[in-house]
Protein backbone atom coordinates (compact mmCIF):
# COMPACT_ATOMS: atom_id res chain seq x y z
CA UNK A 1 0.00 0.00 0.00
CA UNK A 2 1.28 3.45 -0.85
CA UNK A 3 -0.18 5.30 2.12
CA UNK A 4 1.04 4.19 5.47
CA UNK A 5 -1.40 2.99 8.08
CA UNK A 6 -0.42 5.80 10.43
CA UNK A 7 -1.03 8.36 7.68
CA UNK A 8 -4.49 6.94 7.07
CA UNK A 9 -5.37 7.06 10.76
CA UNK A 10 -4.70 10.84 10.77
CA UNK A 11 -7.18 11.49 7.98
CA UNK A 12 -10.86 12.06 8.25
CA UNK A 13 -12.24 11.18 4.84
CA UNK A 14 -15.65 9.58 5.20
CA UNK A 15 -17.68 8.85 2.11
CA UNK A 16 -21.36 9.40 2.77
CA UNK A 17 -24.50 8.10 1.17
CA UNK A 18 -26.62 11.17 1.86
CA UNK A 19 -28.39 11.01 -1.48
CA UNK A 20 -28.71 7.23 -1.74
CA UNK A 21 -32.34 7.13 -0.69
CA UNK A 22 -33.18 9.93 -3.12
CA UNK A 23 -31.85 7.99 -6.10
CA UNK A 24 -34.13 5.97 -8.30
CA UNK A 25 -33.67 2.22 -8.17
CA UNK A 26 -32.25 2.29 -11.69
CA UNK A 27 -29.75 5.00 -10.75
CA UNK A 28 -28.52 2.86 -7.87
CA UNK A 29 -27.86 0.06 -10.33
CA UNK A 30 -26.24 2.41 -12.86
CA UNK A 31 -23.98 3.94 -10.21
CA UNK A 32 -22.90 0.55 -8.89
CA UNK A 33 -22.23 -0.62 -12.45
CA UNK A 34 -20.03 2.41 -13.00
CA UNK A 35 -18.23 1.91 -9.69
CA UNK A 36 -17.30 -1.69 -10.53
CA UNK A 37 -16.33 -0.60 -14.04
CA UNK A 38 -14.14 2.25 -12.78
CA UNK A 39 -12.32 -0.06 -10.36
CA UNK A 40 -11.67 -2.59 -13.13
CA UNK A 41 -10.49 0.12 -15.51
CA UNK A 42 -8.21 1.60 -12.85
CA UNK A 43 -6.60 -1.77 -12.09
CA UNK A 44 -6.02 -2.51 -15.77
CA UNK A 45 -4.62 0.97 -16.40
CA UNK A 46 -2.24 0.65 -13.46
CA UNK A 47 -1.01 -2.73 -14.73
CA UNK A 48 -0.62 -1.45 -18.30
CA UNK A 49 1.37 1.55 -17.01
CA UNK A 50 3.45 -0.78 -14.81
CA UNK A 51 2.37 1.09 -11.66
CA UNK A 52 0.76 -2.04 -10.19
CA UNK A 53 2.35 -5.46 -10.19
CA UNK A 54 1.10 -7.37 -13.19
CA UNK A 55 0.11 -10.90 -12.48
CA UNK A 56 -2.59 -13.26 -13.60
CA UNK A 57 -4.61 -13.20 -10.39
CA UNK A 58 -4.81 -9.41 -10.22
CA UNK A 59 -5.85 -9.31 -13.86
CA UNK A 60 -8.45 -11.98 -13.12
CA UNK A 61 -9.83 -9.85 -10.28
CA UNK A 62 -10.06 -6.89 -12.67
CA UNK A 63 -11.92 -9.08 -15.19
CA UNK A 64 -14.35 -10.11 -12.43
CA UNK A 65 -15.05 -6.46 -11.62
CA UNK A 66 -15.66 -5.73 -15.29
CA UNK A 67 -17.99 -8.72 -15.75
CA UNK A 68 -19.96 -7.58 -12.72
CA UNK A 69 -20.20 -4.03 -14.07
CA UNK A 70 -21.76 -5.35 -17.29
CA UNK A 71 -24.24 -7.42 -15.26
CA UNK A 72 -25.21 -4.40 -13.16
CA UNK A 73 -25.51 -2.13 -16.20
CA UNK A 74 -27.87 -4.57 -17.93
CA UNK A 75 -29.91 -4.87 -14.72
CA UNK A 76 -30.04 -1.07 -14.44
CA UNK A 77 -31.50 -0.82 -17.93
CA UNK A 78 -34.09 -3.49 -17.14
CA UNK A 79 -35.11 -1.65 -13.96
CA UNK A 80 -35.26 1.67 -15.86
CA UNK A 81 -37.75 0.00 -18.20
CA UNK A 82 -39.91 -0.89 -15.20
CA UNK A 83 -39.27 -4.61 -15.35
CA UNK A 84 -38.42 -6.93 -12.51
CA UNK A 85 -34.91 -8.32 -12.39
CA UNK A 86 -34.66 -12.06 -12.18
CA UNK A 87 -32.13 -12.88 -9.44
CA UNK A 88 -29.51 -14.39 -11.70
CA UNK A 89 -25.98 -13.79 -12.90
CA UNK A 90 -26.78 -15.14 -16.36
CA UNK A 91 -25.40 -12.44 -18.65
CA UNK A 92 -26.80 -14.01 -21.79
CA UNK A 93 -30.32 -13.97 -20.32
CA UNK A 94 -29.90 -10.37 -19.12
CA UNK A 95 -28.56 -9.25 -22.49
CA UNK A 96 -31.47 -10.95 -24.26
CA UNK A 97 -33.91 -9.09 -22.00
CA UNK A 98 -32.02 -5.82 -22.61
CA UNK A 99 -32.13 -6.37 -26.39
CA UNK A 100 -35.89 -6.93 -26.33
CA UNK A 101 -36.49 -3.83 -24.22
CA UNK A 102 -34.08 -1.69 -26.25
CA UNK A 103 -34.27 -2.77 -29.90
CA UNK A 104 -32.50 -0.97 -32.67
CA UNK A 105 -29.02 0.00 -33.64
CA UNK A 106 -28.78 3.02 -31.34
CA UNK A 107 -29.07 0.75 -28.26
CA UNK A 108 -26.42 -1.69 -29.43
CA UNK A 109 -23.09 -1.91 -27.67
CA UNK A 110 -20.06 -1.03 -29.78
CA UNK A 111 -17.85 -3.13 -27.52
CA UNK A 112 -17.79 -6.88 -28.01
CA UNK A 113 -20.78 -7.56 -25.76
CA UNK A 114 -21.54 -10.96 -27.30
CA UNK A 115 -18.13 -12.31 -26.32
CA UNK A 116 -18.81 -11.13 -22.76
CA UNK A 117 -22.31 -12.54 -22.40
CA UNK A 118 -21.89 -15.82 -24.28
CA UNK A 119 -21.45 -18.68 -21.81
CA UNK A 120 -18.19 -20.60 -21.94
CA UNK A 121 -18.10 -24.00 -20.28
CA UNK A 122 -14.40 -23.82 -19.35
CA UNK A 123 -14.61 -20.27 -17.91
CA UNK A 124 -18.19 -19.65 -16.76
CA UNK A 125 -19.12 -16.07 -15.98
CA UNK A 126 -19.30 -15.16 -12.33
CA UNK A 127 -17.36 -18.24 -11.30
CA UNK A 128 -14.08 -18.47 -13.18
CA UNK A 129 -12.85 -14.95 -12.48
CA UNK A 130 -14.03 -15.06 -8.86
CA UNK A 131 -12.99 -18.47 -7.58
CA UNK A 132 -9.84 -20.62 -7.82
CA UNK A 133 -11.97 -23.78 -8.13
CA UNK A 134 -15.03 -24.79 -10.13
CA UNK A 135 -18.44 -25.68 -8.68
CA UNK A 136 -17.30 -29.29 -8.13
CA UNK A 137 -14.39 -28.13 -5.96
CA UNK A 138 -11.69 -28.87 -8.56
CA UNK A 139 -9.16 -26.38 -9.93
CA UNK A 140 -10.06 -24.95 -13.31
CA UNK A 141 -8.69 -27.13 -16.08
CA UNK A 142 -6.42 -25.89 -18.80
CA UNK A 143 -4.17 -22.89 -19.03
CA UNK A 144 -5.38 -19.46 -20.01
CA UNK A 145 -4.11 -15.91 -20.10
CA UNK A 146 -5.39 -12.36 -19.89
CA UNK A 147 -3.93 -9.99 -22.45
CA UNK A 148 -3.76 -6.65 -20.64
CA UNK A 149 -3.60 -4.59 -23.84
CA UNK A 150 -6.70 -6.27 -25.30
CA UNK A 151 -8.62 -5.85 -22.06
CA UNK A 152 -7.58 -2.21 -21.71
CA UNK A 153 -8.92 -1.48 -25.21
CA UNK A 154 -12.07 -3.47 -24.43
CA UNK A 155 -12.71 -1.38 -21.34
CA UNK A 156 -12.22 1.86 -23.27
CA UNK A 157 -14.92 0.68 -25.70
CA UNK A 158 -17.31 -0.21 -22.89
CA UNK A 159 -16.71 3.08 -21.14
CA UNK A 160 -17.97 4.80 -24.29
CA UNK A 161 -20.92 2.39 -24.41
CA UNK A 162 -21.90 3.06 -20.78
CA UNK A 163 -21.58 6.82 -21.35
CA UNK A 164 -23.67 6.69 -24.53
CA UNK A 165 -26.27 4.09 -23.56
CA UNK A 166 -27.31 5.21 -20.07
CA UNK A 167 -28.89 8.50 -21.31
CA UNK A 168 -30.52 6.66 -24.22
CA UNK A 169 -32.01 4.07 -21.88
CA UNK A 170 -33.36 6.84 -19.65
CA UNK A 171 -34.73 8.68 -22.68
CA UNK A 172 -36.56 5.55 -23.90
CA UNK A 173 -38.06 4.96 -20.44
CA UNK A 174 -37.98 8.44 -18.87
CA UNK A 175 -39.18 7.46 -15.44
CA UNK A 176 -39.34 4.24 -13.58
CA UNK A 177 -42.57 2.39 -14.04
CA UNK A 178 -43.89 0.22 -11.22
CA UNK A 179 -42.60 -3.26 -12.02
CA UNK A 180 -44.89 -5.98 -13.29
CA UNK A 181 -46.24 -8.12 -10.49
C-alpha atoms as a PDB file:
ATOM      1  CA  UNK A   1       0.000   0.000   0.000  1.00  0.00           C
ATOM      2  CA  UNK A   2       1.278   3.452  -0.852  1.00  0.00           C
ATOM      3  CA  UNK A   3      -0.184   5.299   2.122  1.00  0.00           C
ATOM      4  CA  UNK A   4       1.039   4.192   5.474  1.00  0.00           C
ATOM      5  CA  UNK A   5      -1.403   2.987   8.076  1.00  0.00           C
ATOM      6  CA  UNK A   6      -0.423   5.803  10.433  1.00  0.00           C
ATOM      7  CA  UNK A   7      -1.032   8.364   7.679  1.00  0.00           C
ATOM      8  CA  UNK A   8      -4.487   6.942   7.068  1.00  0.00           C
ATOM      9  CA  UNK A   9      -5.371   7.064  10.757  1.00  0.00           C
ATOM     10  CA  UNK A  10      -4.705  10.837  10.769  1.00  0.00           C
ATOM     11  CA  UNK A  11      -7.177  11.492   7.975  1.00  0.00           C
ATOM     12  CA  UNK A  12     -10.865  12.061   8.252  1.00  0.00           C
ATOM     13  CA  UNK A  13     -12.236  11.176   4.844  1.00  0.00           C
ATOM     14  CA  UNK A  14     -15.651   9.575   5.197  1.00  0.00           C
ATOM     15  CA  UNK A  15     -17.681   8.851   2.113  1.00  0.00           C
ATOM     16  CA  UNK A  16     -21.360   9.397   2.767  1.00  0.00           C
ATOM     17  CA  UNK A  17     -24.502   8.102   1.166  1.00  0.00           C
ATOM     18  CA  UNK A  18     -26.618  11.173   1.861  1.00  0.00           C
ATOM     19  CA  UNK A  19     -28.387  11.006  -1.477  1.00  0.00           C
ATOM     20  CA  UNK A  20     -28.708   7.227  -1.741  1.00  0.00           C
ATOM     21  CA  UNK A  21     -32.344   7.130  -0.691  1.00  0.00           C
ATOM     22  CA  UNK A  22     -33.179   9.932  -3.120  1.00  0.00           C
ATOM     23  CA  UNK A  23     -31.851   7.990  -6.102  1.00  0.00           C
ATOM     24  CA  UNK A  24     -34.128   5.973  -8.302  1.00  0.00           C
ATOM     25  CA  UNK A  25     -33.670   2.223  -8.170  1.00  0.00           C
ATOM     26  CA  UNK A  26     -32.249   2.289 -11.688  1.00  0.00           C
ATOM     27  CA  UNK A  27     -29.750   4.999 -10.754  1.00  0.00           C
ATOM     28  CA  UNK A  28     -28.519   2.863  -7.867  1.00  0.00           C
ATOM     29  CA  UNK A  29     -27.859   0.057 -10.333  1.00  0.00           C
ATOM     30  CA  UNK A  30     -26.242   2.407 -12.865  1.00  0.00           C
ATOM     31  CA  UNK A  31     -23.977   3.936 -10.210  1.00  0.00           C
ATOM     32  CA  UNK A  32     -22.903   0.546  -8.888  1.00  0.00           C
ATOM     33  CA  UNK A  33     -22.233  -0.618 -12.452  1.00  0.00           C
ATOM     34  CA  UNK A  34     -20.028   2.413 -13.000  1.00  0.00           C
ATOM     35  CA  UNK A  35     -18.230   1.908  -9.686  1.00  0.00           C
ATOM     36  CA  UNK A  36     -17.298  -1.685 -10.531  1.00  0.00           C
ATOM     37  CA  UNK A  37     -16.333  -0.601 -14.038  1.00  0.00           C
ATOM     38  CA  UNK A  38     -14.139   2.249 -12.776  1.00  0.00           C
ATOM     39  CA  UNK A  39     -12.320  -0.058 -10.361  1.00  0.00           C
ATOM     40  CA  UNK A  40     -11.670  -2.585 -13.126  1.00  0.00           C
ATOM     41  CA  UNK A  41     -10.486   0.121 -15.507  1.00  0.00           C
ATOM     42  CA  UNK A  42      -8.215   1.597 -12.850  1.00  0.00           C
ATOM     43  CA  UNK A  43      -6.603  -1.767 -12.085  1.00  0.00           C
ATOM     44  CA  UNK A  44      -6.015  -2.514 -15.771  1.00  0.00           C
ATOM     45  CA  UNK A  45      -4.623   0.971 -16.404  1.00  0.00           C
ATOM     46  CA  UNK A  46      -2.235   0.649 -13.459  1.00  0.00           C
ATOM     47  CA  UNK A  47      -1.006  -2.729 -14.725  1.00  0.00           C
ATOM     48  CA  UNK A  48      -0.625  -1.446 -18.300  1.00  0.00           C
ATOM     49  CA  UNK A  49       1.373   1.548 -17.008  1.00  0.00           C
ATOM     50  CA  UNK A  50       3.452  -0.778 -14.806  1.00  0.00           C
ATOM     51  CA  UNK A  51       2.374   1.090 -11.658  1.00  0.00           C
ATOM     52  CA  UNK A  52       0.761  -2.035 -10.188  1.00  0.00           C
ATOM     53  CA  UNK A  53       2.355  -5.458 -10.189  1.00  0.00           C
ATOM     54  CA  UNK A  54       1.098  -7.366 -13.192  1.00  0.00           C
ATOM     55  CA  UNK A  55       0.109 -10.897 -12.475  1.00  0.00           C
ATOM     56  CA  UNK A  56      -2.590 -13.262 -13.605  1.00  0.00           C
ATOM     57  CA  UNK A  57      -4.610 -13.204 -10.386  1.00  0.00           C
ATOM     58  CA  UNK A  58      -4.811  -9.415 -10.219  1.00  0.00           C
ATOM     59  CA  UNK A  59      -5.851  -9.308 -13.864  1.00  0.00           C
ATOM     60  CA  UNK A  60      -8.446 -11.979 -13.120  1.00  0.00           C
ATOM     61  CA  UNK A  61      -9.833  -9.849 -10.279  1.00  0.00           C
ATOM     62  CA  UNK A  62     -10.059  -6.887 -12.674  1.00  0.00           C
ATOM     63  CA  UNK A  63     -11.922  -9.078 -15.189  1.00  0.00           C
ATOM     64  CA  UNK A  64     -14.347 -10.109 -12.434  1.00  0.00           C
ATOM     65  CA  UNK A  65     -15.047  -6.458 -11.617  1.00  0.00           C
ATOM     66  CA  UNK A  66     -15.658  -5.728 -15.294  1.00  0.00           C
ATOM     67  CA  UNK A  67     -17.993  -8.716 -15.747  1.00  0.00           C
ATOM     68  CA  UNK A  68     -19.962  -7.584 -12.722  1.00  0.00           C
ATOM     69  CA  UNK A  69     -20.197  -4.033 -14.075  1.00  0.00           C
ATOM     70  CA  UNK A  70     -21.760  -5.349 -17.285  1.00  0.00           C
ATOM     71  CA  UNK A  71     -24.240  -7.420 -15.264  1.00  0.00           C
ATOM     72  CA  UNK A  72     -25.214  -4.404 -13.159  1.00  0.00           C
ATOM     73  CA  UNK A  73     -25.509  -2.134 -16.203  1.00  0.00           C
ATOM     74  CA  UNK A  74     -27.871  -4.567 -17.927  1.00  0.00           C
ATOM     75  CA  UNK A  75     -29.913  -4.874 -14.720  1.00  0.00           C
ATOM     76  CA  UNK A  76     -30.039  -1.067 -14.438  1.00  0.00           C
ATOM     77  CA  UNK A  77     -31.500  -0.819 -17.928  1.00  0.00           C
ATOM     78  CA  UNK A  78     -34.094  -3.487 -17.142  1.00  0.00           C
ATOM     79  CA  UNK A  79     -35.107  -1.648 -13.959  1.00  0.00           C
ATOM     80  CA  UNK A  80     -35.263   1.671 -15.856  1.00  0.00           C
ATOM     81  CA  UNK A  81     -37.746   0.000 -18.203  1.00  0.00           C
ATOM     82  CA  UNK A  82     -39.906  -0.885 -15.205  1.00  0.00           C
ATOM     83  CA  UNK A  83     -39.266  -4.609 -15.348  1.00  0.00           C
ATOM     84  CA  UNK A  84     -38.419  -6.931 -12.511  1.00  0.00           C
ATOM     85  CA  UNK A  85     -34.909  -8.317 -12.387  1.00  0.00           C
ATOM     86  CA  UNK A  86     -34.658 -12.056 -12.175  1.00  0.00           C
ATOM     87  CA  UNK A  87     -32.129 -12.879  -9.435  1.00  0.00           C
ATOM     88  CA  UNK A  88     -29.505 -14.393 -11.696  1.00  0.00           C
ATOM     89  CA  UNK A  89     -25.984 -13.789 -12.899  1.00  0.00           C
ATOM     90  CA  UNK A  90     -26.779 -15.136 -16.365  1.00  0.00           C
ATOM     91  CA  UNK A  91     -25.396 -12.435 -18.651  1.00  0.00           C
ATOM     92  CA  UNK A  92     -26.802 -14.010 -21.789  1.00  0.00           C
ATOM     93  CA  UNK A  93     -30.318 -13.971 -20.316  1.00  0.00           C
ATOM     94  CA  UNK A  94     -29.895 -10.372 -19.124  1.00  0.00           C
ATOM     95  CA  UNK A  95     -28.563  -9.247 -22.489  1.00  0.00           C
ATOM     96  CA  UNK A  96     -31.467 -10.946 -24.256  1.00  0.00           C
ATOM     97  CA  UNK A  97     -33.910  -9.093 -22.002  1.00  0.00           C
ATOM     98  CA  UNK A  98     -32.022  -5.822 -22.615  1.00  0.00           C
ATOM     99  CA  UNK A  99     -32.131  -6.365 -26.391  1.00  0.00           C
ATOM    100  CA  UNK A 100     -35.893  -6.933 -26.327  1.00  0.00           C
ATOM    101  CA  UNK A 101     -36.494  -3.826 -24.221  1.00  0.00           C
ATOM    102  CA  UNK A 102     -34.082  -1.689 -26.252  1.00  0.00           C
ATOM    103  CA  UNK A 103     -34.270  -2.770 -29.896  1.00  0.00           C
ATOM    104  CA  UNK A 104     -32.495  -0.973 -32.670  1.00  0.00           C
ATOM    105  CA  UNK A 105     -29.017   0.002 -33.636  1.00  0.00           C
ATOM    106  CA  UNK A 106     -28.780   3.021 -31.338  1.00  0.00           C
ATOM    107  CA  UNK A 107     -29.072   0.750 -28.262  1.00  0.00           C
ATOM    108  CA  UNK A 108     -26.420  -1.691 -29.425  1.00  0.00           C
ATOM    109  CA  UNK A 109     -23.087  -1.914 -27.671  1.00  0.00           C
ATOM    110  CA  UNK A 110     -20.062  -1.032 -29.781  1.00  0.00           C
ATOM    111  CA  UNK A 111     -17.849  -3.130 -27.517  1.00  0.00           C
ATOM    112  CA  UNK A 112     -17.790  -6.884 -28.007  1.00  0.00           C
ATOM    113  CA  UNK A 113     -20.781  -7.559 -25.761  1.00  0.00           C
ATOM    114  CA  UNK A 114     -21.540 -10.963 -27.299  1.00  0.00           C
ATOM    115  CA  UNK A 115     -18.128 -12.309 -26.316  1.00  0.00           C
ATOM    116  CA  UNK A 116     -18.806 -11.126 -22.760  1.00  0.00           C
ATOM    117  CA  UNK A 117     -22.313 -12.542 -22.399  1.00  0.00           C
ATOM    118  CA  UNK A 118     -21.888 -15.825 -24.281  1.00  0.00           C
ATOM    119  CA  UNK A 119     -21.446 -18.677 -21.813  1.00  0.00           C
ATOM    120  CA  UNK A 120     -18.192 -20.599 -21.935  1.00  0.00           C
ATOM    121  CA  UNK A 121     -18.101 -23.996 -20.276  1.00  0.00           C
ATOM    122  CA  UNK A 122     -14.405 -23.823 -19.353  1.00  0.00           C
ATOM    123  CA  UNK A 123     -14.611 -20.274 -17.910  1.00  0.00           C
ATOM    124  CA  UNK A 124     -18.194 -19.651 -16.756  1.00  0.00           C
ATOM    125  CA  UNK A 125     -19.122 -16.069 -15.985  1.00  0.00           C
ATOM    126  CA  UNK A 126     -19.301 -15.156 -12.331  1.00  0.00           C
ATOM    127  CA  UNK A 127     -17.363 -18.241 -11.302  1.00  0.00           C
ATOM    128  CA  UNK A 128     -14.082 -18.470 -13.179  1.00  0.00           C
ATOM    129  CA  UNK A 129     -12.850 -14.955 -12.477  1.00  0.00           C
ATOM    130  CA  UNK A 130     -14.027 -15.063  -8.861  1.00  0.00           C
ATOM    131  CA  UNK A 131     -12.987 -18.470  -7.576  1.00  0.00           C
ATOM    132  CA  UNK A 132      -9.844 -20.616  -7.824  1.00  0.00           C
ATOM    133  CA  UNK A 133     -11.967 -23.778  -8.131  1.00  0.00           C
ATOM    134  CA  UNK A 134     -15.025 -24.791 -10.129  1.00  0.00           C
ATOM    135  CA  UNK A 135     -18.436 -25.680  -8.679  1.00  0.00           C
ATOM    136  CA  UNK A 136     -17.299 -29.286  -8.125  1.00  0.00           C
ATOM    137  CA  UNK A 137     -14.385 -28.129  -5.965  1.00  0.00           C
ATOM    138  CA  UNK A 138     -11.688 -28.867  -8.557  1.00  0.00           C
ATOM    139  CA  UNK A 139      -9.157 -26.375  -9.928  1.00  0.00           C
ATOM    140  CA  UNK A 140     -10.065 -24.948 -13.308  1.00  0.00           C
ATOM    141  CA  UNK A 141      -8.692 -27.133 -16.083  1.00  0.00           C
ATOM    142  CA  UNK A 142      -6.423 -25.887 -18.804  1.00  0.00           C
ATOM    143  CA  UNK A 143      -4.168 -22.885 -19.030  1.00  0.00           C
ATOM    144  CA  UNK A 144      -5.381 -19.464 -20.005  1.00  0.00           C
ATOM    145  CA  UNK A 145      -4.109 -15.911 -20.098  1.00  0.00           C
ATOM    146  CA  UNK A 146      -5.390 -12.359 -19.885  1.00  0.00           C
ATOM    147  CA  UNK A 147      -3.931  -9.989 -22.450  1.00  0.00           C
ATOM    148  CA  UNK A 148      -3.764  -6.655 -20.639  1.00  0.00           C
ATOM    149  CA  UNK A 149      -3.605  -4.589 -23.838  1.00  0.00           C
ATOM    150  CA  UNK A 150      -6.697  -6.267 -25.295  1.00  0.00           C
ATOM    151  CA  UNK A 151      -8.619  -5.846 -22.055  1.00  0.00           C
ATOM    152  CA  UNK A 152      -7.581  -2.214 -21.709  1.00  0.00           C
ATOM    153  CA  UNK A 153      -8.915  -1.482 -25.210  1.00  0.00           C
ATOM    154  CA  UNK A 154     -12.075  -3.469 -24.427  1.00  0.00           C
ATOM    155  CA  UNK A 155     -12.710  -1.378 -21.336  1.00  0.00           C
ATOM    156  CA  UNK A 156     -12.225   1.858 -23.265  1.00  0.00           C
ATOM    157  CA  UNK A 157     -14.916   0.680 -25.697  1.00  0.00           C
ATOM    158  CA  UNK A 158     -17.312  -0.214 -22.892  1.00  0.00           C
ATOM    159  CA  UNK A 159     -16.709   3.083 -21.142  1.00  0.00           C
ATOM    160  CA  UNK A 160     -17.967   4.798 -24.289  1.00  0.00           C
ATOM    161  CA  UNK A 161     -20.920   2.392 -24.407  1.00  0.00           C
ATOM    162  CA  UNK A 162     -21.895   3.059 -20.784  1.00  0.00           C
ATOM    163  CA  UNK A 163     -21.578   6.822 -21.347  1.00  0.00           C
ATOM    164  CA  UNK A 164     -23.673   6.689 -24.529  1.00  0.00           C
ATOM    165  CA  UNK A 165     -26.272   4.090 -23.555  1.00  0.00           C
ATOM    166  CA  UNK A 166     -27.313   5.211 -20.074  1.00  0.00           C
ATOM    167  CA  UNK A 167     -28.887   8.497 -21.306  1.00  0.00           C
ATOM    168  CA  UNK A 168     -30.519   6.664 -24.225  1.00  0.00           C
ATOM    169  CA  UNK A 169     -32.006   4.072 -21.877  1.00  0.00           C
ATOM    170  CA  UNK A 170     -33.360   6.836 -19.650  1.00  0.00           C
ATOM    171  CA  UNK A 171     -34.728   8.679 -22.678  1.00  0.00           C
ATOM    172  CA  UNK A 172     -36.557   5.548 -23.899  1.00  0.00           C
ATOM    173  CA  UNK A 173     -38.062   4.961 -20.441  1.00  0.00           C
ATOM    174  CA  UNK A 174     -37.983   8.438 -18.867  1.00  0.00           C
ATOM    175  CA  UNK A 175     -39.180   7.460 -15.436  1.00  0.00           C
ATOM    176  CA  UNK A 176     -39.341   4.243 -13.583  1.00  0.00           C
ATOM    177  CA  UNK A 177     -42.568   2.390 -14.037  1.00  0.00           C
ATOM    178  CA  UNK A 178     -43.893   0.224 -11.221  1.00  0.00           C
ATOM    179  CA  UNK A 179     -42.596  -3.261 -12.017  1.00  0.00           C
ATOM    180  CA  UNK A 180     -44.889  -5.980 -13.292  1.00  0.00           C
ATOM    181  CA  UNK A 181     -46.236  -8.117 -10.487  1.00  0.00           C
END
